[in-house]
PDB file of N, CA and C in Angstrom:
ATOM      1  N   UNK A   1      12.150  32.734  30.891  1.00  0.00           N
ATOM      2  CA  UNK A   1      12.906  31.468  30.715  1.00  0.00           C
ATOM      3  C   UNK A   1      12.140  29.850  30.294  1.00  0.00           C
ATOM      4  N   UNK A   2      12.639  29.034  29.047  1.00  0.00           N
ATOM      5  CA  UNK A   2      12.046  28.007  28.566  1.00  0.00           C
ATOM      6  C   UNK A   2      11.814  27.162  29.423  1.00  0.00           C
ATOM      7  N   UNK A   3      12.326  26.612  30.704  1.00  0.00           N
ATOM      8  CA  UNK A   3      11.953  25.926  31.359  1.00  0.00           C
ATOM      9  C   UNK A   3      10.866  26.152  32.146  1.00  0.00           C
ATOM     10  N   UNK A   4      10.877  27.339  32.583  1.00  0.00           N
ATOM     11  CA  UNK A   4       9.162  27.657  33.016  1.00  0.00           C
ATOM     12  C   UNK A   4       8.034  27.972  32.503  1.00  0.00           C
ATOM     13  N   UNK A   5       8.586  28.126  31.206  1.00  0.00           N
ATOM     14  CA  UNK A   5       7.215  28.114  29.994  1.00  0.00           C
ATOM     15  C   UNK A   5       7.052  26.424  30.194  1.00  0.00           C
ATOM     16  N   UNK A   6       7.726  25.749  29.947  1.00  0.00           N
ATOM     17  CA  UNK A   6       7.469  24.418  29.953  1.00  0.00           C
ATOM     18  C   UNK A   6       6.810  23.876  31.165  1.00  0.00           C
ATOM     19  N   UNK A   7       7.241  24.292  32.587  1.00  0.00           N
ATOM     20  CA  UNK A   7       6.363  24.381  33.397  1.00  0.00           C
ATOM     21  C   UNK A   7       5.016  24.762  33.611  1.00  0.00           C
ATOM     22  N   UNK A   8       4.658  25.873  33.031  1.00  0.00           N
ATOM     23  CA  UNK A   8       3.040  26.061  32.593  1.00  0.00           C
ATOM     24  C   UNK A   8       2.682  25.543  31.896  1.00  0.00           C
ATOM     25  N   UNK A   9       3.332  24.885  30.556  1.00  0.00           N
ATOM     26  CA  UNK A   9       2.436  24.403  29.565  1.00  0.00           C
ATOM     27  C   UNK A   9       1.926  22.891  30.225  1.00  0.00           C
ATOM     28  N   UNK A  10       3.460  22.043  30.557  1.00  0.00           N
ATOM     29  CA  UNK A  10       2.732  20.707  31.636  1.00  0.00           C
ATOM     30  C   UNK A  10       1.769  20.998  32.578  1.00  0.00           C
ATOM     31  N   UNK A  11       1.608  22.151  33.028  1.00  0.00           N
ATOM     32  CA  UNK A  11       0.756  21.851  34.324  1.00  0.00           C
ATOM     33  C   UNK A  11      -0.883  21.897  33.681  1.00  0.00           C
ATOM     34  N   UNK A  12      -0.612  23.087  32.610  1.00  0.00           N
ATOM     35  CA  UNK A  12      -1.892  23.467  32.419  1.00  0.00           C
ATOM     36  C   UNK A  12      -2.322  22.075  31.620  1.00  0.00           C
ATOM     37  N   UNK A  13      -1.610  21.399  30.536  1.00  0.00           N
ATOM     38  CA  UNK A  13      -2.045  19.779  30.097  1.00  0.00           C
ATOM     39  C   UNK A  13      -2.646  18.950  30.992  1.00  0.00           C
ATOM     40  N   UNK A  14      -1.792  18.984  32.202  1.00  0.00           N
ATOM     41  CA  UNK A  14      -1.892  18.028  33.260  1.00  0.00           C
ATOM     42  C   UNK A  14      -2.999  18.579  34.084  1.00  0.00           C
ATOM     43  N   UNK A  15      -3.591  19.586  34.139  1.00  0.00           N
ATOM     44  CA  UNK A  15      -5.049  19.840  34.922  1.00  0.00           C
ATOM     45  C   UNK A  15      -6.039  19.497  33.650  1.00  0.00           C
ATOM     46  N   UNK A  16      -6.301  19.880  32.623  1.00  0.00           N
ATOM     47  CA  UNK A  16      -6.616  19.462  31.519  1.00  0.00           C
ATOM     48  C   UNK A  16      -7.021  18.351  31.687  1.00  0.00           C
ATOM     49  N   UNK A  17      -6.199  17.138  31.364  1.00  0.00           N
ATOM     50  CA  UNK A  17      -6.007  16.013  31.479  1.00  0.00           C
ATOM     51  C   UNK A  17      -6.774  15.330  32.490  1.00  0.00           C
ATOM     52  N   UNK A  18      -6.622  15.718  33.734  1.00  0.00           N
ATOM     53  CA  UNK A  18      -6.907  15.325  34.955  1.00  0.00           C
ATOM     54  C   UNK A  18      -8.467  15.562  34.888  1.00  0.00           C
ATOM     55  N   UNK A  19      -8.950  16.977  34.254  1.00  0.00           N
ATOM     56  CA  UNK A  19     -10.464  17.114  34.308  1.00  0.00           C
ATOM     57  C   UNK A  19     -11.148  15.880  33.216  1.00  0.00           C
ATOM     58  N   UNK A  20     -10.445  15.658  32.571  1.00  0.00           N
ATOM     59  CA  UNK A  20     -11.109  14.461  31.481  1.00  0.00           C
ATOM     60  C   UNK A  20     -10.907  13.375  31.933  1.00  0.00           C
ATOM     61  N   UNK A  21     -10.306  12.923  33.034  1.00  0.00           N
ATOM     62  CA  UNK A  21     -10.140  11.575  33.607  1.00  0.00           C
ATOM     63  C   UNK A  21      -8.755  10.671  32.850  1.00  0.00           C
ATOM     64  N   UNK A  22      -8.006  11.119  32.374  1.00  0.00           N
ATOM     65  CA  UNK A  22      -7.087  10.501  31.476  1.00  0.00           C
ATOM     66  C   UNK A  22      -5.969  10.914  32.813  1.00  0.00           C
ATOM     67  N   UNK A  23      -5.953  10.047  33.859  1.00  0.00           N
ATOM     68  CA  UNK A  23      -4.876   9.717  35.010  1.00  0.00           C
ATOM     69  C   UNK A  23      -4.363   9.475  34.766  1.00  0.00           C
ATOM     70  N   UNK A  24      -3.602   8.434  33.805  1.00  0.00           N
ATOM     71  CA  UNK A  24      -1.909   7.981  33.525  1.00  0.00           C
ATOM     72  C   UNK A  24      -1.219   9.053  32.802  1.00  0.00           C
ATOM     73  N   UNK A  25      -2.415   9.840  31.880  1.00  0.00           N
ATOM     74  CA  UNK A  25      -1.230  10.965  31.107  1.00  0.00           C
ATOM     75  C   UNK A  25      -1.105  11.945  31.667  1.00  0.00           C
ATOM     76  N   UNK A  26      -2.376  12.525  32.760  1.00  0.00           N
ATOM     77  CA  UNK A  26      -1.604  13.508  33.713  1.00  0.00           C
ATOM     78  C   UNK A  26      -1.322  13.386  34.739  1.00  0.00           C
ATOM     79  N   UNK A  27      -0.737  12.387  34.988  1.00  0.00           N
ATOM     80  CA  UNK A  27       0.529  12.236  36.036  1.00  0.00           C
ATOM     81  C   UNK A  27       1.533  12.384  35.393  1.00  0.00           C
ATOM     82  N   UNK A  28       1.883  11.903  33.867  1.00  0.00           N
ATOM     83  CA  UNK A  28       3.242  12.044  33.338  1.00  0.00           C
ATOM     84  C   UNK A  28       3.521  13.809  33.359  1.00  0.00           C
ATOM     85  N   UNK A  29       2.285  14.321  33.068  1.00  0.00           N
ATOM     86  CA  UNK A  29       2.342  16.124  32.589  1.00  0.00           C
ATOM     87  C   UNK A  29       2.592  16.562  33.791  1.00  0.00           C
ATOM     88  N   UNK A  30       1.872  16.027  35.152  1.00  0.00           N
ATOM     89  CA  UNK A  30       2.126  17.071  36.712  1.00  0.00           C
ATOM     90  C   UNK A  30       3.920  16.337  36.707  1.00  0.00           C
ATOM     91  N   UNK A  31       4.269  15.192  36.517  1.00  0.00           N
ATOM     92  CA  UNK A  31       5.993  14.824  36.501  1.00  0.00           C
ATOM     93  C   UNK A  31       6.510  15.891  35.754  1.00  0.00           C
ATOM     94  N   UNK A  32       6.327  15.688  34.792  1.00  0.00           N
ATOM     95  CA  UNK A  32       6.878  17.016  33.446  1.00  0.00           C
ATOM     96  C   UNK A  32       6.866  18.129  33.983  1.00  0.00           C
ATOM     97  N   UNK A  33       6.017  18.791  34.750  1.00  0.00           N
ATOM     98  CA  UNK A  33       6.069  20.087  35.095  1.00  0.00           C
ATOM     99  C   UNK A  33       7.259  20.061  36.590  1.00  0.00           C
ATOM    100  N   UNK A  34       7.268  18.931  37.018  1.00  0.00           N
ATOM    101  CA  UNK A  34       8.008  19.177  38.594  1.00  0.00           C
ATOM    102  C   UNK A  34       9.322  19.283  38.006  1.00  0.00           C
ATOM    103  N   UNK A  35       9.781  18.257  36.900  1.00  0.00           N
ATOM    104  CA  UNK A  35      11.067  18.097  36.468  1.00  0.00           C
ATOM    105  C   UNK A  35      11.565  19.620  35.632  1.00  0.00           C
ATOM    106  N   UNK A  36      10.620  20.447  35.049  1.00  0.00           N
ATOM    107  CA  UNK A  36      10.928  21.461  34.382  1.00  0.00           C
ATOM    108  C   UNK A  36      11.359  22.747  35.388  1.00  0.00           C
ATOM    109  N   UNK A  37      10.499  22.768  36.766  1.00  0.00           N
ATOM    110  CA  UNK A  37      10.767  23.261  37.412  1.00  0.00           C
ATOM    111  C   UNK A  37      12.292  23.050  38.084  1.00  0.00           C
ATOM    112  N   UNK A  38      12.856  21.813  38.431  1.00  0.00           N
ATOM    113  CA  UNK A  38      13.472  21.251  38.569  1.00  0.00           C
ATOM    114  C   UNK A  38      14.895  21.565  38.150  1.00  0.00           C
ATOM    115  N   UNK A  39      14.672  21.196  36.917  1.00  0.00           N
ATOM    116  CA  UNK A  39      15.684  22.056  35.730  1.00  0.00           C
ATOM    117  C   UNK A  39      15.960  23.749  36.104  1.00  0.00           C
ATOM    118  N   UNK A  40      15.074  24.457  35.746  1.00  0.00           N
ATOM    119  CA  UNK A  40      15.022  25.923  36.171  1.00  0.00           C
ATOM    120  C   UNK A  40      15.986  26.114  37.481  1.00  0.00           C
ATOM    121  N   UNK A  41      15.833  25.558  38.217  1.00  0.00           N
ATOM    122  CA  UNK A  41      16.488  25.675  39.528  1.00  0.00           C
ATOM    123  C   UNK A  41      17.728  25.222  39.791  1.00  0.00           C
ATOM    124  N   UNK A  42      17.974  24.257  39.030  1.00  0.00           N
ATOM    125  CA  UNK A  42      19.327  23.592  38.469  1.00  0.00           C
ATOM    126  C   UNK A  42      19.896  24.514  37.722  1.00  0.00           C
ATOM    127  N   UNK A  43      19.761  25.125  36.245  1.00  0.00           N
ATOM    128  CA  UNK A  43      20.002  25.926  35.637  1.00  0.00           C
ATOM    129  C   UNK A  43      20.507  27.089  36.308  1.00  0.00           C
ATOM    130  N   UNK A  44      19.942  27.931  37.292  1.00  0.00           N
ATOM    131  CA  UNK A  44      19.943  28.973  38.346  1.00  0.00           C
ATOM    132  C   UNK A  44      21.491  28.395  38.936  1.00  0.00           C
ATOM    133  N   UNK A  45      21.454  27.131  39.654  1.00  0.00           N
ATOM    134  CA  UNK A  45      22.651  26.952  40.527  1.00  0.00           C
ATOM    135  C   UNK A  45      24.271  26.472  39.895  1.00  0.00           C
ATOM    136  N   UNK A  46      23.969  26.006  38.724  1.00  0.00           N
ATOM    137  CA  UNK A  46      24.715  25.512  37.609  1.00  0.00           C
ATOM    138  C   UNK A  46      25.181  24.103  38.370  1.00  0.00           C
ATOM    139  N   UNK A  47      24.310  23.262  38.842  1.00  0.00           N
ATOM    140  CA  UNK A  47      23.826  21.998  38.864  1.00  0.00           C
ATOM    141  C   UNK A  47      23.538  20.801  37.527  1.00  0.00           C
ATOM    142  N   UNK A  48      23.898  20.039  37.982  1.00  0.00           N
ATOM    143  CA  UNK A  48      23.552  19.282  36.511  1.00  0.00           C
ATOM    144  C   UNK A  48      22.042  18.627  36.458  1.00  0.00           C
ATOM    145  N   UNK A  49      21.044  18.724  35.444  1.00  0.00           N
ATOM    146  CA  UNK A  49      19.877  18.247  35.454  1.00  0.00           C
ATOM    147  C   UNK A  49      19.517  17.495  34.323  1.00  0.00           C
ATOM    148  N   UNK A  50      20.356  16.403  34.102  1.00  0.00           N
ATOM    149  CA  UNK A  50      20.045  15.645  32.933  1.00  0.00           C
ATOM    150  C   UNK A  50      19.195  14.351  33.034  1.00  0.00           C
ATOM    151  N   UNK A  51      19.430  13.667  34.234  1.00  0.00           N
ATOM    152  CA  UNK A  51      18.950  12.017  34.461  1.00  0.00           C
ATOM    153  C   UNK A  51      17.988  12.477  36.058  1.00  0.00           C
ATOM    154  N   UNK A  52      17.648  11.243  35.869  1.00  0.00           N
ATOM    155  CA  UNK A  52      16.241  11.286  37.106  1.00  0.00           C
ATOM    156  C   UNK A  52      17.383  11.074  38.462  1.00  0.00           C
ATOM    157  N   UNK A  53      18.571  10.565  38.642  1.00  0.00           N
ATOM    158  CA  UNK A  53      19.322  10.647  39.637  1.00  0.00           C
ATOM    159  C   UNK A  53      19.522  12.223  39.920  1.00  0.00           C
ATOM    160  N   UNK A  54      19.764  13.014  38.961  1.00  0.00           N
ATOM    161  CA  UNK A  54      20.279  14.921  39.067  1.00  0.00           C
ATOM    162  C   UNK A  54      19.182  15.225  39.622  1.00  0.00           C
ATOM    163  N   UNK A  55      17.927  14.846  39.060  1.00  0.00           N
ATOM    164  CA  UNK A  55      16.327  15.342  39.754  1.00  0.00           C
ATOM    165  C   UNK A  55      16.354  15.097  41.636  1.00  0.00           C
ATOM    166  N   UNK A  56      17.129  13.705  41.917  1.00  0.00           N
ATOM    167  CA  UNK A  56      16.777  13.727  43.488  1.00  0.00           C
ATOM    168  C   UNK A  56      17.924  14.210  44.075  1.00  0.00           C
ATOM    169  N   UNK A  57      19.061  14.494  43.499  1.00  0.00           N
ATOM    170  CA  UNK A  57      20.236  15.103  44.087  1.00  0.00           C
ATOM    171  C   UNK A  57      19.443  16.449  44.312  1.00  0.00           C
ATOM    172  N   UNK A  58      19.076  17.173  43.310  1.00  0.00           N
ATOM    173  CA  UNK A  58      18.326  18.791  43.335  1.00  0.00           C
ATOM    174  C   UNK A  58      17.705  19.021  44.909  1.00  0.00           C
ATOM    175  N   UNK A  59      16.519  17.875  44.695  1.00  0.00           N
ATOM    176  CA  UNK A  59      15.720  17.601  45.775  1.00  0.00           C
ATOM    177  C   UNK A  59      16.202  17.658  47.208  1.00  0.00           C
ATOM    178  N   UNK A  60      17.016  16.483  47.249  1.00  0.00           N
ATOM    179  CA  UNK A  60      17.983  16.436  48.575  1.00  0.00           C
ATOM    180  C   UNK A  60      18.900  17.366  48.720  1.00  0.00           C
ATOM    181  N   UNK A  61      19.253  18.514  47.633  1.00  0.00           N
ATOM    182  CA  UNK A  61      20.365  19.410  48.281  1.00  0.00           C
ATOM    183  C   UNK A  61      19.307  20.743  48.771  1.00  0.00           C
ATOM    184  N   UNK A  62      17.705  20.607  48.263  1.00  0.00           N
ATOM    185  CA  UNK A  62      16.994  21.907  48.484  1.00  0.00           C
ATOM    186  C   UNK A  62      16.265  21.200  50.294  1.00  0.00           C
ATOM    187  N   UNK A  63      16.106  20.216  50.071  1.00  0.00           N
ATOM    188  CA  UNK A  63      15.964  19.244  51.440  1.00  0.00           C
ATOM    189  C   UNK A  63      16.698  19.769  52.764  1.00  0.00           C
ATOM    190  N   UNK A  64      17.977  19.529  51.827  1.00  0.00           N
ATOM    191  CA  UNK A  64      19.072  19.689  53.000  1.00  0.00           C
ATOM    192  C   UNK A  64      19.442  21.352  53.435  1.00  0.00           C
ATOM    193  N   UNK A  65      18.884  22.290  52.570  1.00  0.00           N
ATOM    194  CA  UNK A  65      18.734  23.399  52.756  1.00  0.00           C
ATOM    195  C   UNK A  65      17.923  24.219  53.669  1.00  0.00           C
ATOM    196  N   UNK A  66      16.723  23.327  53.423  1.00  0.00           N
ATOM    197  CA  UNK A  66      15.376  23.617  54.346  1.00  0.00           C
ATOM    198  C   UNK A  66      14.716  22.802  55.271  1.00  0.00           C
ATOM    199  N   UNK A  67      15.091  22.013  55.319  1.00  0.00           N
ATOM    200  CA  UNK A  67      14.602  20.674  56.713  1.00  0.00           C
ATOM    201  C   UNK A  67      13.078  20.652  56.075  1.00  0.00           C
ATOM    202  N   UNK A  68      12.690  21.148  55.158  1.00  0.00           N
ATOM    203  CA  UNK A  68      11.302  21.060  55.214  1.00  0.00           C
ATOM    204  C   UNK A  68      10.964  19.609  53.953  1.00  0.00           C
ATOM    205  N   UNK A  69      10.006  18.635  54.766  1.00  0.00           N
ATOM    206  CA  UNK A  69       9.998  17.019  54.590  1.00  0.00           C
ATOM    207  C   UNK A  69       8.972  17.005  53.223  1.00  0.00           C
ATOM    208  N   UNK A  70       8.440  18.240  53.055  1.00  0.00           N
ATOM    209  CA  UNK A  70       7.367  18.081  51.916  1.00  0.00           C
ATOM    210  C   UNK A  70       8.133  18.472  50.646  1.00  0.00           C
ATOM    211  N   UNK A  71       8.975  18.589  50.463  1.00  0.00           N
ATOM    212  CA  UNK A  71      10.114  18.978  49.484  1.00  0.00           C
ATOM    213  C   UNK A  71      10.148  17.036  48.940  1.00  0.00           C
ATOM    214  N   UNK A  72      10.955  16.236  49.943  1.00  0.00           N
ATOM    215  CA  UNK A  72      11.316  14.790  49.683  1.00  0.00           C
ATOM    216  C   UNK A  72      10.066  14.248  49.519  1.00  0.00           C
ATOM    217  N   UNK A  73       8.755  14.113  50.285  1.00  0.00           N
ATOM    218  CA  UNK A  73       7.525  13.749  50.061  1.00  0.00           C
ATOM    219  C   UNK A  73       7.121  13.851  48.761  1.00  0.00           C
ATOM    220  N   UNK A  74       6.566  15.021  48.362  1.00  0.00           N
ATOM    221  CA  UNK A  74       6.163  15.375  47.192  1.00  0.00           C
ATOM    222  C   UNK A  74       7.114  15.117  46.175  1.00  0.00           C
ATOM    223  N   UNK A  75       8.196  15.098  46.146  1.00  0.00           N
ATOM    224  CA  UNK A  75       9.235  14.428  45.322  1.00  0.00           C
ATOM    225  C   UNK A  75       8.869  12.942  45.126  1.00  0.00           C
ATOM    226  N   UNK A  76       8.267  12.219  45.959  1.00  0.00           N
ATOM    227  CA  UNK A  76       8.504  10.651  45.934  1.00  0.00           C
ATOM    228  C   UNK A  76       7.532  10.414  45.291  1.00  0.00           C
ATOM    229  N   UNK A  77       6.050  11.326  45.571  1.00  0.00           N
ATOM    230  CA  UNK A  77       4.987  11.128  45.068  1.00  0.00           C
ATOM    231  C   UNK A  77       4.880  11.460  43.715  1.00  0.00           C
ATOM    232  N   UNK A  78       5.636  12.760  42.902  1.00  0.00           N
ATOM    233  CA  UNK A  78       5.757  12.617  41.590  1.00  0.00           C
ATOM    234  C   UNK A  78       6.111  11.757  41.053  1.00  0.00           C
ATOM    235  N   UNK A  79       6.836  10.937  41.805  1.00  0.00           N
ATOM    236  CA  UNK A  79       7.863   9.817  40.943  1.00  0.00           C
ATOM    237  C   UNK A  79       6.856   8.973  40.571  1.00  0.00           C
ATOM    238  N   UNK A  80       5.834   8.631  41.775  1.00  0.00           N
ATOM    239  CA  UNK A  80       4.720   7.492  41.379  1.00  0.00           C
ATOM    240  C   UNK A  80       4.222   8.456  40.557  1.00  0.00           C
ATOM    241  N   UNK A  81       3.449   9.187  40.580  1.00  0.00           N
ATOM    242  CA  UNK A  81       2.723   9.660  38.932  1.00  0.00           C
ATOM    243  C   UNK A  81       3.550   9.261  37.653  1.00  0.00           C
ATOM    244  N   UNK A  82       4.626   9.338  37.639  1.00  0.00           N
ATOM    245  CA  UNK A  82       5.599   9.064  36.762  1.00  0.00           C
ATOM    246  C   UNK A  82       5.422   7.494  36.488  1.00  0.00           C
ATOM    247  N   UNK A  83       5.861   6.942  37.785  1.00  0.00           N
ATOM    248  CA  UNK A  83       5.340   5.052  37.035  1.00  0.00           C
ATOM    249  C   UNK A  83       4.249   5.124  37.007  1.00  0.00           C
ATOM    250  N   UNK A  84       3.094   5.282  37.416  1.00  0.00           N
ATOM    251  CA  UNK A  84       1.740   5.542  36.927  1.00  0.00           C
ATOM    252  C   UNK A  84       2.018   5.302  35.806  1.00  0.00           C
ATOM    253  N   UNK A  85       2.105   6.516  34.726  1.00  0.00           N
ATOM    254  CA  UNK A  85       1.946   6.536  33.428  1.00  0.00           C
ATOM    255  C   UNK A  85       2.769   5.276  32.698  1.00  0.00           C
ATOM    256  N   UNK A  86       3.292   4.617  33.249  1.00  0.00           N
ATOM    257  CA  UNK A  86       3.588   3.258  32.441  1.00  0.00           C
ATOM    258  C   UNK A  86       3.158   1.999  33.324  1.00  0.00           C
ATOM    259  N   UNK A  87       2.429   1.862  34.181  1.00  0.00           N
ATOM    260  CA  UNK A  87       2.227   0.942  34.514  1.00  0.00           C
ATOM    261  C   UNK A  87       0.729   0.811  35.126  1.00  0.00           C
ATOM    262  N   UNK A  88      -0.140   1.948  35.097  1.00  0.00           N
ATOM    263  CA  UNK A  88      -1.320   2.429  35.267  1.00  0.00           C
ATOM    264  C   UNK A  88      -2.258   1.440  36.040  1.00  0.00           C
ATOM    265  N   UNK A  89      -1.653   1.750  37.561  1.00  0.00           N
ATOM    266  CA  UNK A  89      -2.183   0.832  38.752  1.00  0.00           C
ATOM    267  C   UNK A  89      -2.957   1.633  39.656  1.00  0.00           C
ATOM    268  N   UNK A  90      -2.929   3.081  39.638  1.00  0.00           N
ATOM    269  CA  UNK A  90      -3.309   4.119  40.552  1.00  0.00           C
ATOM    270  C   UNK A  90      -4.820   4.196  40.383  1.00  0.00           C
ATOM    271  N   UNK A  91      -5.723   4.320  41.699  1.00  0.00           N
ATOM    272  CA  UNK A  91      -6.828   4.204  41.831  1.00  0.00           C
ATOM    273  C   UNK A  91      -7.203   6.082  41.500  1.00  0.00           C
ATOM    274  N   UNK A  92      -8.442   6.522  41.436  1.00  0.00           N
ATOM    275  CA  UNK A  92      -8.639   7.756  41.621  1.00  0.00           C
ATOM    276  C   UNK A  92      -8.656   8.533  42.727  1.00  0.00           C
ATOM    277  N   UNK A  93      -8.820   7.735  43.669  1.00  0.00           N
ATOM    278  CA  UNK A  93      -8.518   8.738  45.060  1.00  0.00           C
ATOM    279  C   UNK A  93      -6.886   8.510  45.725  1.00  0.00           C
ATOM    280  N   UNK A  94      -6.354   7.805  45.015  1.00  0.00           N
ATOM    281  CA  UNK A  94      -5.197   7.283  45.125  1.00  0.00           C
ATOM    282  C   UNK A  94      -4.601   8.474  44.526  1.00  0.00           C
ATOM    283  N   UNK A  95      -4.782   8.675  42.854  1.00  0.00           N
ATOM    284  CA  UNK A  95      -4.286   9.746  42.101  1.00  0.00           C
ATOM    285  C   UNK A  95      -4.266  11.465  42.779  1.00  0.00           C
ATOM    286  N   UNK A  96      -5.968  11.213  43.350  1.00  0.00           N
ATOM    287  CA  UNK A  96      -5.822  12.557  43.781  1.00  0.00           C
ATOM    288  C   UNK A  96      -5.009  12.920  45.021  1.00  0.00           C
ATOM    289  N   UNK A  97      -4.964  12.346  45.876  1.00  0.00           N
ATOM    290  CA  UNK A  97      -3.768  12.538  47.167  1.00  0.00           C
ATOM    291  C   UNK A  97      -2.369  12.626  46.501  1.00  0.00           C
ATOM    292  N   UNK A  98      -1.930  12.102  45.740  1.00  0.00           N
ATOM    293  CA  UNK A  98      -0.486  12.473  44.943  1.00  0.00           C
ATOM    294  C   UNK A  98      -0.621  13.465  44.108  1.00  0.00           C
ATOM    295  N   UNK A  99      -1.703  14.039  43.610  1.00  0.00           N
ATOM    296  CA  UNK A  99      -1.503  15.237  42.998  1.00  0.00           C
ATOM    297  C   UNK A  99      -1.640  16.327  44.008  1.00  0.00           C
ATOM    298  N   UNK A 100      -2.420  16.374  45.044  1.00  0.00           N
ATOM    299  CA  UNK A 100      -2.279  17.096  45.823  1.00  0.00           C
ATOM    300  C   UNK A 100      -1.178  17.739  46.475  1.00  0.00           C
ATOM    301  N   UNK A 101      -0.228  16.505  47.115  1.00  0.00           N
ATOM    302  CA  UNK A 101       0.973  16.790  46.970  1.00  0.00           C
ATOM    303  C   UNK A 101       2.112  17.239  46.015  1.00  0.00           C
ATOM    304  N   UNK A 102       1.740  17.024  44.712  1.00  0.00           N
ATOM    305  CA  UNK A 102       2.660  17.402  43.516  1.00  0.00           C
ATOM    306  C   UNK A 102       2.203  18.781  43.509  1.00  0.00           C
ATOM    307  N   UNK A 103       0.947  19.366  42.978  1.00  0.00           N
ATOM    308  CA  UNK A 103       0.319  20.648  43.394  1.00  0.00           C
ATOM    309  C   UNK A 103       1.391  21.381  44.421  1.00  0.00           C
ATOM    310  N   UNK A 104       1.215  21.427  45.776  1.00  0.00           N
ATOM    311  CA  UNK A 104       2.027  22.039  47.101  1.00  0.00           C
ATOM    312  C   UNK A 104       3.506  21.808  46.634  1.00  0.00           C
ATOM    313  N   UNK A 105       4.123  20.843  45.964  1.00  0.00           N
ATOM    314  CA  UNK A 105       5.130  20.706  45.989  1.00  0.00           C
ATOM    315  C   UNK A 105       5.599  21.978  44.878  1.00  0.00           C
ATOM    316  N   UNK A 106       5.173  21.660  43.390  1.00  0.00           N
ATOM    317  CA  UNK A 106       5.478  22.860  42.452  1.00  0.00           C
ATOM    318  C   UNK A 106       5.410  24.422  43.525  1.00  0.00           C
ATOM    319  N   UNK A 107       4.370  24.653  44.308  1.00  0.00           N
ATOM    320  CA  UNK A 107       4.617  25.748  44.978  1.00  0.00           C
ATOM    321  C   UNK A 107       5.780  26.294  45.224  1.00  0.00           C
ATOM    322  N   UNK A 108       6.673  24.876  46.335  1.00  0.00           N
ATOM    323  CA  UNK A 108       7.237  25.579  46.959  1.00  0.00           C
ATOM    324  C   UNK A 108       8.410  25.100  46.094  1.00  0.00           C
ATOM    325  N   UNK A 109       8.620  24.772  45.229  1.00  0.00           N
ATOM    326  CA  UNK A 109       9.465  25.034  43.857  1.00  0.00           C
ATOM    327  C   UNK A 109      10.064  25.949  43.551  1.00  0.00           C
ATOM    328  N   UNK A 110       8.913  26.640  43.176  1.00  0.00           N
ATOM    329  CA  UNK A 110       8.888  28.209  42.524  1.00  0.00           C
ATOM    330  C   UNK A 110       9.462  28.907  43.246  1.00  0.00           C
ATOM    331  N   UNK A 111       9.284  28.835  44.851  1.00  0.00           N
ATOM    332  CA  UNK A 111      10.229  29.918  45.395  1.00  0.00           C
ATOM    333  C   UNK A 111      11.557  29.930  45.404  1.00  0.00           C
ATOM    334  N   UNK A 112      12.258  28.798  44.905  1.00  0.00           N
ATOM    335  CA  UNK A 112      13.628  28.716  44.830  1.00  0.00           C
ATOM    336  C   UNK A 112      14.224  29.258  43.343  1.00  0.00           C
ATOM    337  N   UNK A 113      13.020  29.814  42.684  1.00  0.00           N
ATOM    338  CA  UNK A 113      13.550  30.458  41.297  1.00  0.00           C
ATOM    339  C   UNK A 113      13.509  31.868  41.583  1.00  0.00           C
TER     340      UNK A 113
END
């Protein structure tokens, strides 16, 4: 699946950028990894997945099915990494907390495939 290949590519790139200390770029790649998985989930379910709003609806749907709060929290923290790409406001410690939550989120999202 093209979206799964993108997920793997973005996650690999995110980890590489993170190791180099390029947090803004790494954060955007983590966001890309999350959205690639959301695209794959949406394709499987016949849901739209073309906008930021669509991603939020997908996450809300998965939460409604599972009541897993970490889906909502992880998505919100992924959004913050996406915002950090544009505004570069996040320190390393905060970035690492966000990264940990996003890594948990992608593991949870893969279970929906």
